[in-house]
């Protein structure tokens, strides 16, 4: 399988919307984004601010997955919210491409890029799911935000995890390129 990573631009809003369907497990619970309007905060007007950061992967010339962050505020009432400076992560891999290492490849590159912009990122994940182990492998730790969170999709219990980022002295593919200019 031939895969290539690309940065998400504001003109690629449709990719974020399509991938949100999988990131929020709507395919598992047989729901649509229109049935849960509160999820639009994760994709609506993506890329119209320099606070949005993301990438996607093409596998055999087809979008196979995406990872992105949105820097939301207290007013959004979002699961995974830590503070006004910590963006919330979403990641999705289309089911037929799962188990191929695409999610890990996207996450590794994304963490390098996000480290140039943010001190930490957060994610909301269904407690006791395999996804928790995925995030732990990538250095995320549990964060106690002081209240119990429930998924807006199916009411399952979710936990918030955070990853402290650092600008490491490693050569990144984007060195010398201003990431704020990814937006159209």
Protein backbone atom coordinates (compact mmCIF):
# COMPACT_ATOMS: atom_id res chain seq x y z
CA UNK A 1 0.00 0.00 0.00
CA UNK A 2 1.36 3.41 -1.01
CA UNK A 3 0.65 6.13 1.60
CA UNK A 4 1.42 9.85 1.66
CA UNK A 5 0.82 12.44 4.41
CA UNK A 6 -0.48 15.93 3.59
CA UNK A 7 -1.29 18.96 5.72
CA UNK A 8 -4.97 19.88 5.95
CA UNK A 9 -5.87 23.25 4.48
CA UNK A 10 -9.05 25.23 4.89
CA UNK A 11 -10.05 24.29 1.34
CA UNK A 12 -10.13 20.65 2.48
CA UNK A 13 -12.98 21.15 4.95
CA UNK A 14 -14.79 18.15 3.47
CA UNK A 15 -12.01 15.80 4.60
CA UNK A 16 -12.41 16.99 8.20
CA UNK A 17 -16.20 16.61 8.01
CA UNK A 18 -15.95 13.12 6.47
CA UNK A 19 -13.35 11.97 9.00
CA UNK A 20 -15.31 13.35 11.97
CA UNK A 21 -17.91 10.67 11.20
CA UNK A 22 -15.29 8.00 11.99
CA UNK A 23 -13.52 9.92 14.77
CA UNK A 24 -16.77 10.12 16.73
CA UNK A 25 -17.65 6.45 16.02
CA UNK A 26 -20.88 7.40 14.26
CA UNK A 27 -20.41 4.47 11.90
CA UNK A 28 -20.50 2.13 14.94
CA UNK A 29 -23.70 3.58 16.43
CA UNK A 30 -25.39 4.11 13.04
CA UNK A 31 -25.90 7.87 13.37
CA UNK A 32 -25.12 10.89 11.20
CA UNK A 33 -23.46 14.19 12.02
CA UNK A 34 -26.79 15.92 11.42
CA UNK A 35 -28.33 13.92 14.29
CA UNK A 36 -25.76 15.32 16.76
CA UNK A 37 -25.30 19.01 15.91
CA UNK A 38 -23.03 19.60 18.93
CA UNK A 39 -20.24 17.75 17.07
CA UNK A 40 -20.02 20.50 14.44
CA UNK A 41 -17.61 22.43 16.71
CA UNK A 42 -14.90 19.93 15.73
CA UNK A 43 -15.18 20.56 11.99
CA UNK A 44 -17.18 23.67 11.15
CA UNK A 45 -15.03 26.34 9.46
CA UNK A 46 -11.92 24.22 9.90
CA UNK A 47 -8.73 26.00 8.90
CA UNK A 48 -10.12 29.53 9.02
CA UNK A 49 -7.86 30.28 11.99
CA UNK A 50 -4.21 29.60 12.67
CA UNK A 51 -5.32 27.69 15.78
CA UNK A 52 -6.39 24.75 13.57
CA UNK A 53 -3.74 22.18 12.70
CA UNK A 54 -4.11 18.87 10.91
CA UNK A 55 -2.95 16.35 8.39
CA UNK A 56 -4.44 13.52 6.40
CA UNK A 57 -3.13 10.44 4.67
CA UNK A 58 -3.81 9.16 1.20
CA UNK A 59 -3.54 5.40 0.73
CA UNK A 60 -3.63 4.25 -2.87
CA UNK A 61 -4.97 7.69 -3.88
CA UNK A 62 -7.86 7.57 -1.39
CA UNK A 63 -8.24 9.48 1.89
CA UNK A 64 -7.59 6.82 4.55
CA UNK A 65 -7.48 8.95 7.69
CA UNK A 66 -6.93 12.33 9.28
CA UNK A 67 -5.77 13.88 12.53
CA UNK A 68 -6.52 17.45 13.56
CA UNK A 69 -6.84 19.78 16.53
CA UNK A 70 -9.18 22.64 17.31
CA UNK A 71 -8.52 25.17 20.00
CA UNK A 72 -11.92 25.58 21.61
CA UNK A 73 -12.99 27.59 24.65
CA UNK A 74 -15.11 27.05 27.75
CA UNK A 75 -18.27 28.16 25.92
CA UNK A 76 -18.10 25.13 23.59
CA UNK A 77 -18.76 22.71 26.49
CA UNK A 78 -16.56 20.15 24.76
CA UNK A 79 -15.44 16.81 26.14
CA UNK A 80 -11.68 16.84 26.47
CA UNK A 81 -11.54 20.56 27.26
CA UNK A 82 -8.59 21.42 29.53
CA UNK A 83 -8.09 25.17 29.11
CA UNK A 84 -8.25 27.92 26.47
CA UNK A 85 -4.67 27.23 25.32
CA UNK A 86 -4.93 23.45 24.88
CA UNK A 87 -6.34 22.26 21.55
CA UNK A 88 -8.49 19.15 21.37
CA UNK A 89 -7.36 16.29 19.14
CA UNK A 90 -9.48 14.21 16.78
CA UNK A 91 -8.14 11.27 14.79
CA UNK A 92 -9.83 8.85 12.41
CA UNK A 93 -8.81 6.02 10.15
CA UNK A 94 -11.35 4.57 7.75
CA UNK A 95 -12.15 1.01 8.93
CA UNK A 96 -10.72 -0.81 5.91
CA UNK A 97 -7.31 0.84 6.57
CA UNK A 98 -7.16 0.10 10.31
CA UNK A 99 -4.39 -2.15 11.56
CA UNK A 100 -1.99 -0.95 8.85
CA UNK A 101 -0.08 1.54 11.05
CA UNK A 102 -1.69 4.58 9.43
CA UNK A 103 -3.00 5.98 12.73
CA UNK A 104 0.41 5.69 14.39
CA UNK A 105 2.21 7.24 11.43
CA UNK A 106 -0.20 10.17 11.40
CA UNK A 107 0.05 10.62 15.16
CA UNK A 108 3.86 10.55 15.24
CA UNK A 109 4.15 13.22 12.54
CA UNK A 110 1.32 15.26 14.01
CA UNK A 111 2.92 15.33 17.47
CA UNK A 112 6.13 16.69 15.96
CA UNK A 113 4.24 19.44 14.16
CA UNK A 114 1.98 20.27 17.13
CA UNK A 115 5.03 20.55 19.40
CA UNK A 116 6.13 23.57 17.39
CA UNK A 117 2.88 25.37 18.23
CA UNK A 118 1.48 24.08 21.52
CA UNK A 119 2.63 23.06 25.00
CA UNK A 120 0.06 20.27 25.24
CA UNK A 121 -2.94 18.76 23.49
CA UNK A 122 -5.93 16.86 24.87
CA UNK A 123 -8.26 14.16 23.65
CA UNK A 124 -11.54 12.70 24.86
CA UNK A 125 -11.74 8.93 24.53
CA UNK A 126 -14.22 6.24 25.51
CA UNK A 127 -13.05 4.73 28.79
CA UNK A 128 -11.98 1.07 28.59
CA UNK A 129 -11.66 1.16 24.79
CA UNK A 130 -8.68 0.04 22.72
CA UNK A 131 -8.19 3.70 21.82
CA UNK A 132 -6.98 4.41 25.37
CA UNK A 133 -4.01 2.09 24.81
CA UNK A 134 -3.30 3.76 21.45
CA UNK A 135 -3.04 7.16 23.15
CA UNK A 136 -0.97 5.77 26.02
CA UNK A 137 1.53 4.35 23.49
CA UNK A 138 1.87 7.88 22.12
CA UNK A 139 2.55 9.42 25.53
CA UNK A 140 -0.90 10.62 26.57
CA UNK A 141 -1.77 10.47 30.26
CA UNK A 142 -5.08 10.68 32.11
CA UNK A 143 -6.24 14.15 33.09
CA UNK A 144 -8.80 14.69 35.83
CA UNK A 145 -10.97 17.65 34.85
CA UNK A 146 -13.10 17.24 37.96
CA UNK A 147 -16.31 15.93 36.41
CA UNK A 148 -17.61 12.85 34.65
CA UNK A 149 -17.88 13.17 30.89
CA UNK A 150 -20.31 11.32 28.64
CA UNK A 151 -20.11 10.90 24.90
CA UNK A 152 -22.68 13.00 23.00
CA UNK A 153 -22.86 10.11 20.51
CA UNK A 154 -24.05 7.26 22.71
CA UNK A 155 -23.75 8.35 26.35
CA UNK A 156 -20.76 6.10 27.07
CA UNK A 157 -18.28 7.24 29.71
CA UNK A 158 -15.28 9.09 28.34
CA UNK A 159 -12.01 10.23 29.86
CA UNK A 160 -9.76 13.12 29.00
CA UNK A 161 -6.12 12.43 28.23
CA UNK A 162 -3.37 14.98 27.63
CA UNK A 163 0.04 14.93 26.02
CA UNK A 164 2.70 17.41 27.02
CA UNK A 165 4.58 18.45 23.91
CA UNK A 166 8.08 19.75 23.55
CA UNK A 167 10.04 21.27 20.74
CA UNK A 168 12.63 18.60 20.29
CA UNK A 169 15.97 19.14 18.61
CA UNK A 170 15.01 16.92 15.71
CA UNK A 171 14.82 17.79 12.06
CA UNK A 172 11.19 17.99 11.00
CA UNK A 173 10.07 17.88 7.38
CA UNK A 174 8.58 21.36 7.78
CA UNK A 175 11.66 23.03 9.31
CA UNK A 176 12.00 26.44 7.75
CA UNK A 177 8.32 26.55 6.84
CA UNK A 178 5.89 28.68 8.82
CA UNK A 179 3.03 26.35 9.87
CA UNK A 180 0.64 29.30 10.17
CA UNK A 181 0.79 29.54 6.39
CA UNK A 182 -0.76 26.08 5.87
CA UNK A 183 -4.11 27.75 5.71
CA UNK A 184 -5.26 28.99 2.33
